């Protein structure tokens, strides 16, 4: 009974998360009231399928259907859009498993490039089905079909880049890493907010881009995967806020949408790539340190020492056990 309730809670929580984040995303102005530039449910769905398997597809469908039905009151269209969205996430999940993706975009095995490409391809399915549904409802003129499809795909793909890496990096160790550097974490959030605020008054976009990329780089090396992913999500939300403020002065156009999406996608991919490189470096460093400790233990057990001669500077170095064997102080001038 407890296991059944636990499974039901996961279903309900996922459906609610899809509904709430989808509703918030649709508050952001774009080409159509049913299309969001900031569609986090796709990333949440990928994370849920990675954790619990394809059985969570029903919860994703339910959350998407409820949201679309509340917005449009159109039963058939809501079913079609929910089916397309769920199908796109499921296909992406199966593709990710096929290329060897396990449970983290920051695994340090270099597979993240393929994971990003696969995610983009999978989101084509949901964009095609969603656009077809809007055409069926009569909300999309023939001359805007391509633009609507691109906007739908961009929002879904960006949701994967933003939400999935963040959720899949959550662990006790990663949380403690951020918690122990909470002062730096909130400091970077504050600097990001100040930078975004200044972007409303500075016409030079290069300054804004350079500063935000620098902040994300600092977050990666100081806060780790989880902290950096939160900072990236905050940066993306800040950019959306800037677009929203700007749209109040003048109507939003397709060019503005594409520029905003391109920047958010680039900074999300940058976080994934650089964090993966850092993970590979840290793993190699840890393995090197572990091998060194094993060598020391092996020499201690076998009572064997070792030495090396650098022919370039004619300097000799000795292992710790070497000094123990000959009872020589390690600080002795060699």
Protein backbone atom coordinates (compact mmCIF):
# COMPACT_ATOMS: atom_id res chain seq x y z
CA UNK A 1 0.00 0.00 0.00
CA UNK A 2 2.83 2.37 0.89
CA UNK A 3 4.58 1.55 -2.40
CA UNK A 4 1.39 2.26 -4.35
CA UNK A 5 0.96 5.64 -2.63
CA UNK A 6 4.60 6.49 -3.28
CA UNK A 7 4.13 5.79 -7.00
CA UNK A 8 0.93 7.85 -7.09
CA UNK A 9 2.73 10.76 -5.41
CA UNK A 10 5.41 10.72 -8.10
CA UNK A 11 2.75 10.79 -10.82
CA UNK A 12 0.82 13.65 -9.21
CA UNK A 13 3.94 15.66 -8.45
CA UNK A 14 5.21 15.34 -12.01
CA UNK A 15 1.82 16.26 -13.50
CA UNK A 16 1.66 19.30 -11.20
CA UNK A 17 5.23 20.33 -12.08
CA UNK A 18 4.39 20.12 -15.80
CA UNK A 19 1.24 22.20 -15.31
CA UNK A 20 2.81 24.91 -13.14
CA UNK A 21 6.04 25.39 -15.10
CA UNK A 22 4.12 25.25 -18.38
CA UNK A 23 1.67 27.87 -17.18
CA UNK A 24 4.48 30.16 -16.04
CA UNK A 25 6.23 29.68 -19.36
CA UNK A 26 3.13 30.70 -21.30
CA UNK A 27 2.99 33.98 -19.38
CA UNK A 28 6.00 35.06 -21.44
CA UNK A 29 5.01 36.87 -24.66
CA UNK A 30 5.92 35.20 -27.95
CA UNK A 31 4.41 34.58 -31.39
CA UNK A 32 1.34 32.72 -30.09
CA UNK A 33 -0.38 32.46 -26.72
CA UNK A 34 0.11 28.66 -26.79
CA UNK A 35 3.85 28.84 -27.54
CA UNK A 36 6.55 29.59 -24.97
CA UNK A 37 10.19 30.48 -25.42
CA UNK A 38 10.85 29.07 -21.96
CA UNK A 39 9.18 25.62 -21.89
CA UNK A 40 10.72 23.85 -18.86
CA UNK A 41 8.32 20.83 -18.88
CA UNK A 42 10.44 19.14 -21.56
CA UNK A 43 13.52 19.20 -19.34
CA UNK A 44 11.48 18.11 -16.32
CA UNK A 45 10.09 15.22 -18.37
CA UNK A 46 13.56 14.07 -19.47
CA UNK A 47 14.74 14.09 -15.85
CA UNK A 48 11.64 12.19 -14.68
CA UNK A 49 12.07 9.50 -17.34
CA UNK A 50 15.76 9.17 -16.43
CA UNK A 51 14.89 8.68 -12.76
CA UNK A 52 11.71 6.57 -12.97
CA UNK A 53 11.51 5.22 -16.51
CA UNK A 54 8.95 5.54 -19.35
CA UNK A 55 6.04 4.78 -17.00
CA UNK A 56 6.04 8.47 -16.05
CA UNK A 57 4.83 9.33 -19.56
CA UNK A 58 1.21 9.16 -18.40
CA UNK A 59 1.83 11.83 -15.74
CA UNK A 60 3.49 14.09 -18.32
CA UNK A 61 0.55 13.65 -20.68
CA UNK A 62 -1.92 14.44 -17.90
CA UNK A 63 -0.12 17.63 -16.87
CA UNK A 64 0.19 18.83 -20.48
CA UNK A 65 -3.42 17.97 -21.33
CA UNK A 66 -4.78 19.76 -18.25
CA UNK A 67 -2.77 22.89 -19.02
CA UNK A 68 -3.83 23.07 -22.67
CA UNK A 69 -7.47 22.32 -21.88
CA UNK A 70 -7.55 25.06 -19.23
CA UNK A 71 -6.14 27.53 -21.76
CA UNK A 72 -8.18 26.58 -24.83
CA UNK A 73 -11.18 24.48 -23.67
CA UNK A 74 -10.62 22.49 -26.87
CA UNK A 75 -10.65 18.78 -26.01
CA UNK A 76 -9.27 17.32 -29.24
CA UNK A 77 -6.52 19.91 -29.65
CA UNK A 78 -5.48 19.55 -26.02
CA UNK A 79 -5.22 15.76 -26.42
CA UNK A 80 -3.16 16.11 -29.59
CA UNK A 81 -0.74 18.68 -28.13
CA UNK A 82 -0.30 16.63 -24.92
CA UNK A 83 0.33 13.49 -26.98
CA UNK A 84 2.87 15.25 -29.20
CA UNK A 85 4.69 16.76 -26.24
CA UNK A 86 4.86 13.44 -24.38
CA UNK A 87 5.88 11.55 -27.51
CA UNK A 88 8.73 13.99 -28.18
CA UNK A 89 10.07 13.55 -24.65
CA UNK A 90 9.75 9.75 -24.81
CA UNK A 91 11.57 9.59 -28.15
CA UNK A 92 14.31 11.84 -26.80
CA UNK A 93 14.64 9.60 -23.75
CA UNK A 94 14.99 6.44 -25.85
CA UNK A 95 17.55 8.15 -28.11
CA UNK A 96 19.54 9.23 -25.07
CA UNK A 97 19.59 5.69 -23.73
CA UNK A 98 20.64 4.40 -27.16
CA UNK A 99 23.75 6.61 -27.24
CA UNK A 100 24.79 5.52 -23.74
CA UNK A 101 23.45 8.45 -21.71
CA UNK A 102 23.08 7.31 -18.12
CA UNK A 103 21.91 9.84 -15.60
CA UNK A 104 23.83 13.09 -15.92
CA UNK A 105 24.80 15.63 -18.59
CA UNK A 106 28.02 16.20 -16.63
CA UNK A 107 29.29 12.62 -16.61
CA UNK A 108 32.72 13.58 -17.91
CA UNK A 109 32.63 10.98 -20.71
CA UNK A 110 32.16 13.45 -23.58
CA UNK A 111 28.73 12.13 -24.51
CA UNK A 112 27.03 15.46 -23.81
CA UNK A 113 27.46 16.71 -27.39
CA UNK A 114 25.48 13.75 -28.72
CA UNK A 115 22.95 14.20 -25.91
CA UNK A 116 22.32 17.82 -26.93
CA UNK A 117 21.95 16.87 -30.61
CA UNK A 118 19.58 14.02 -29.77
CA UNK A 119 17.50 16.31 -27.56
CA UNK A 120 17.15 18.81 -30.38
CA UNK A 121 16.05 16.10 -32.81
CA UNK A 122 13.51 14.67 -30.37
CA UNK A 123 11.87 18.04 -29.84
CA UNK A 124 11.08 18.23 -33.57
CA UNK A 125 8.29 15.71 -32.94
CA UNK A 126 6.52 17.82 -30.32
CA UNK A 127 6.96 20.97 -32.43
CA UNK A 128 5.45 19.29 -35.51
CA UNK A 129 2.45 17.94 -33.61
CA UNK A 130 1.88 21.20 -31.74
CA UNK A 131 2.06 23.33 -34.88
CA UNK A 132 -0.32 20.98 -36.70
CA UNK A 133 -2.77 21.26 -33.82
CA UNK A 134 -2.70 25.07 -33.90
CA UNK A 135 -3.25 24.97 -37.67
CA UNK A 136 -6.25 22.68 -37.08
CA UNK A 137 -7.68 25.16 -34.60
CA UNK A 138 -7.22 27.98 -37.09
CA UNK A 139 -4.80 29.97 -34.90
CA UNK A 140 -1.91 29.95 -37.38
CA UNK A 141 -2.07 31.70 -40.78
CA UNK A 142 -0.32 29.85 -43.60
CA UNK A 143 2.41 32.48 -43.83
CA UNK A 144 3.37 31.94 -40.16
CA UNK A 145 3.58 28.15 -40.11
CA UNK A 146 7.39 28.03 -40.32
CA UNK A 147 7.82 30.76 -37.70
CA UNK A 148 5.42 29.02 -35.31
CA UNK A 149 7.18 25.68 -35.77
CA UNK A 150 10.60 27.27 -35.08
CA UNK A 151 9.34 29.07 -31.98
CA UNK A 152 7.73 25.89 -30.63
CA UNK A 153 10.87 23.84 -31.24
CA UNK A 154 13.14 26.50 -29.71
CA UNK A 155 11.07 26.65 -26.52
CA UNK A 156 10.99 22.85 -26.12
CA UNK A 157 14.70 22.43 -26.85
CA UNK A 158 15.69 25.24 -24.49
CA UNK A 159 13.60 23.63 -21.75
CA UNK A 160 15.72 20.48 -22.07
CA UNK A 161 18.99 22.44 -21.93
CA UNK A 162 17.93 24.41 -18.86
CA UNK A 163 15.91 22.04 -16.69
CA UNK A 164 17.30 18.55 -17.37
CA UNK A 165 20.98 19.26 -16.47
CA UNK A 166 19.89 21.08 -13.31
CA UNK A 167 17.53 18.37 -12.07
CA UNK A 168 19.84 15.49 -12.97
CA UNK A 169 22.74 17.09 -11.07
CA UNK A 170 20.81 17.23 -7.79
CA UNK A 171 22.40 15.10 -5.10
CA UNK A 172 23.33 15.43 -1.45
CA UNK A 173 26.99 16.03 -2.28
CA UNK A 174 26.21 18.68 -4.91
CA UNK A 175 23.77 20.43 -2.58
CA UNK A 176 26.36 20.54 0.19
CA UNK A 177 28.89 21.93 -2.28
CA UNK A 178 26.56 24.87 -2.94
CA UNK A 179 25.55 25.19 0.72
CA UNK A 180 29.16 25.48 1.88
CA UNK A 181 29.66 28.31 -0.61
CA UNK A 182 26.30 29.97 -0.07
CA UNK A 183 27.86 33.43 0.21
CA UNK A 184 29.43 33.07 -3.25
CA UNK A 185 26.21 31.58 -4.62
CA UNK A 186 24.02 34.49 -3.56
CA UNK A 187 26.74 36.92 -4.58
CA UNK A 188 26.71 35.54 -8.13
CA UNK A 189 22.91 35.70 -8.19
CA UNK A 190 23.08 39.35 -7.15
CA UNK A 191 25.70 40.16 -9.77
CA UNK A 192 23.57 38.44 -12.41
CA UNK A 193 20.54 40.48 -11.42
CA UNK A 194 22.55 43.73 -11.52
CA UNK A 195 24.02 42.83 -14.93
CA UNK A 196 20.57 42.08 -16.33
CA UNK A 197 19.19 45.33 -14.96
CA UNK A 198 22.02 47.24 -16.60
CA UNK A 199 21.26 45.50 -19.93
CA UNK A 200 18.08 47.60 -20.15
CA UNK A 201 20.17 50.77 -20.28
CA UNK A 202 23.33 49.62 -22.10
CA UNK A 203 23.11 49.33 -25.86
CA UNK A 204 26.35 47.33 -26.16
CA UNK A 205 25.27 43.68 -25.96
CA UNK A 206 28.88 42.45 -26.00
CA UNK A 207 29.42 43.76 -22.47
CA UNK A 208 26.32 41.96 -21.18
CA UNK A 209 27.26 38.70 -22.93
CA UNK A 210 30.87 38.82 -21.69
CA UNK A 211 29.90 39.50 -18.09
CA UNK A 212 27.23 36.78 -17.93
CA UNK A 213 29.55 34.18 -19.48
CA UNK A 214 32.19 35.17 -16.91
CA UNK A 215 29.67 34.75 -14.08
CA UNK A 216 28.68 31.30 -15.34
CA UNK A 217 32.35 30.29 -15.60
CA UNK A 218 32.93 31.38 -12.00
CA UNK A 219 29.87 29.42 -10.92
CA UNK A 220 31.11 26.25 -12.65
CA UNK A 221 34.52 26.33 -10.93
CA UNK A 222 33.36 27.62 -7.55
CA UNK A 223 29.89 26.10 -7.08
CA UNK A 224 29.99 22.92 -9.16
CA UNK A 225 27.38 21.48 -11.47
CA UNK A 226 24.27 22.18 -9.41
CA UNK A 227 25.19 25.75 -8.50
CA UNK A 228 26.20 26.61 -12.06
CA UNK A 229 22.97 25.14 -13.47
CA UNK A 230 20.92 27.27 -11.06
CA UNK A 231 22.87 30.36 -12.11
CA UNK A 232 22.27 29.54 -15.80
CA UNK A 233 18.53 29.13 -15.17
CA UNK A 234 18.52 32.47 -13.35
CA UNK A 235 20.36 34.10 -16.26
CA UNK A 236 17.79 32.71 -18.72
CA UNK A 237 14.91 33.90 -16.56
CA UNK A 238 16.54 37.32 -16.36
CA UNK A 239 16.83 37.49 -20.15
CA UNK A 240 13.16 36.57 -20.45
CA UNK A 241 12.38 39.39 -18.02
CA UNK A 242 14.35 41.83 -20.18
CA UNK A 243 12.43 40.68 -23.28
CA UNK A 244 9.16 41.09 -21.42
CA UNK A 245 10.03 44.61 -20.27
CA UNK A 246 11.15 45.53 -23.78
CA UNK A 247 7.94 44.18 -25.29
CA UNK A 248 5.91 46.62 -23.20
CA UNK A 249 7.55 49.49 -25.09
CA UNK A 250 7.25 47.88 -28.54
CA UNK A 251 5.68 44.65 -29.86
CA UNK A 252 7.94 41.62 -29.77
CA UNK A 253 9.18 40.47 -33.18
CA UNK A 254 10.58 37.19 -34.45
CA UNK A 255 14.14 38.57 -34.57
CA UNK A 256 14.03 39.46 -30.86
CA UNK A 257 12.76 35.97 -30.02
CA UNK A 258 15.54 34.30 -32.01
CA UNK A 259 18.29 36.48 -30.49
CA UNK A 260 17.06 35.82 -26.95
CA UNK A 261 16.73 32.09 -27.59
CA UNK A 262 20.16 31.86 -29.23
CA UNK A 263 21.86 33.51 -26.27
CA UNK A 264 20.07 31.32 -23.71
CA UNK A 265 20.85 28.16 -25.71
CA UNK A 266 24.52 29.14 -26.04
CA UNK A 267 24.98 29.84 -22.35
CA UNK A 268 23.18 26.59 -21.45
CA UNK A 269 25.38 24.56 -23.80
CA UNK A 270 28.44 26.41 -22.49
CA UNK A 271 27.54 25.34 -18.95
CA UNK A 272 27.16 21.71 -20.04
CA UNK A 273 30.43 21.60 -22.01
CA UNK A 274 32.61 23.42 -19.47
CA UNK A 275 31.14 21.53 -16.51
CA UNK A 276 31.80 18.26 -18.34
CA UNK A 277 35.42 19.28 -18.96
CA UNK A 278 35.81 20.20 -15.29
CA UNK A 279 34.25 16.87 -14.27
CA UNK A 280 36.71 15.00 -16.51
CA UNK A 281 39.62 16.96 -15.03
CA UNK A 282 38.49 16.37 -11.44
CA UNK A 283 38.00 12.68 -12.13
CA UNK A 284 41.47 12.36 -13.65
CA UNK A 285 42.99 14.25 -10.71
CA UNK A 286 41.21 12.02 -8.19
CA UNK A 287 42.31 8.86 -10.02
CA UNK A 288 45.89 10.11 -10.13
CA UNK A 289 45.83 10.87 -6.42
CA UNK A 290 44.29 7.48 -5.65
CA UNK A 291 46.90 5.66 -7.74
CA UNK A 292 49.64 7.56 -5.94
CA UNK A 293 48.24 6.51 -2.56
CA UNK A 294 48.03 2.90 -3.75
CA UNK A 295 51.67 3.01 -4.87
CA UNK A 296 52.73 4.31 -1.47
CA UNK A 297 50.77 1.53 0.28
CA UNK A 298 52.17 -1.14 -2.06
CA UNK A 299 55.74 0.01 -1.43
CA UNK A 300 55.11 0.11 2.29
CA UNK A 301 53.76 -3.45 2.34
CA UNK A 302 56.51 -4.89 0.14
CA UNK A 303 59.20 -2.72 1.77
CA UNK A 304 60.43 -1.48 -1.62
CA UNK A 305 61.45 2.06 -2.46
CA UNK A 306 61.92 3.83 -5.77
CA UNK A 307 63.76 6.79 -7.21
CA UNK A 308 63.78 8.85 -10.41
CA UNK A 309 66.47 10.92 -12.13
CA UNK A 310 65.51 13.99 -14.15
CA UNK A 311 68.18 14.21 -16.85
CA UNK A 312 67.25 17.79 -17.70
CA UNK A 313 68.13 19.26 -14.32
CA UNK A 314 70.08 16.27 -12.92
CA UNK A 315 67.76 16.08 -9.93
CA UNK A 316 66.79 12.87 -8.17
CA UNK A 317 63.51 12.26 -6.37
CA UNK A 318 62.87 9.40 -3.95
CA UNK A 319 59.71 7.71 -2.76
CA UNK A 320 58.61 7.93 0.84
CA UNK A 321 59.44 4.26 1.46
CA UNK A 322 62.99 4.80 0.22
CA UNK A 323 63.65 7.14 3.14
CA UNK A 324 62.00 4.67 5.53
CA UNK A 325 64.20 1.80 4.37
CA UNK A 326 67.45 3.70 4.88
CA UNK A 327 66.11 5.61 7.91
CA UNK A 328 66.80 8.96 6.32
CA UNK A 329 64.92 12.16 7.15
CA UNK A 330 62.73 13.13 4.18
CA UNK A 331 63.75 16.76 4.66
CA UNK A 332 67.40 15.90 4.09
CA UNK A 333 68.98 17.94 1.35
CA UNK A 334 69.33 15.57 -1.63
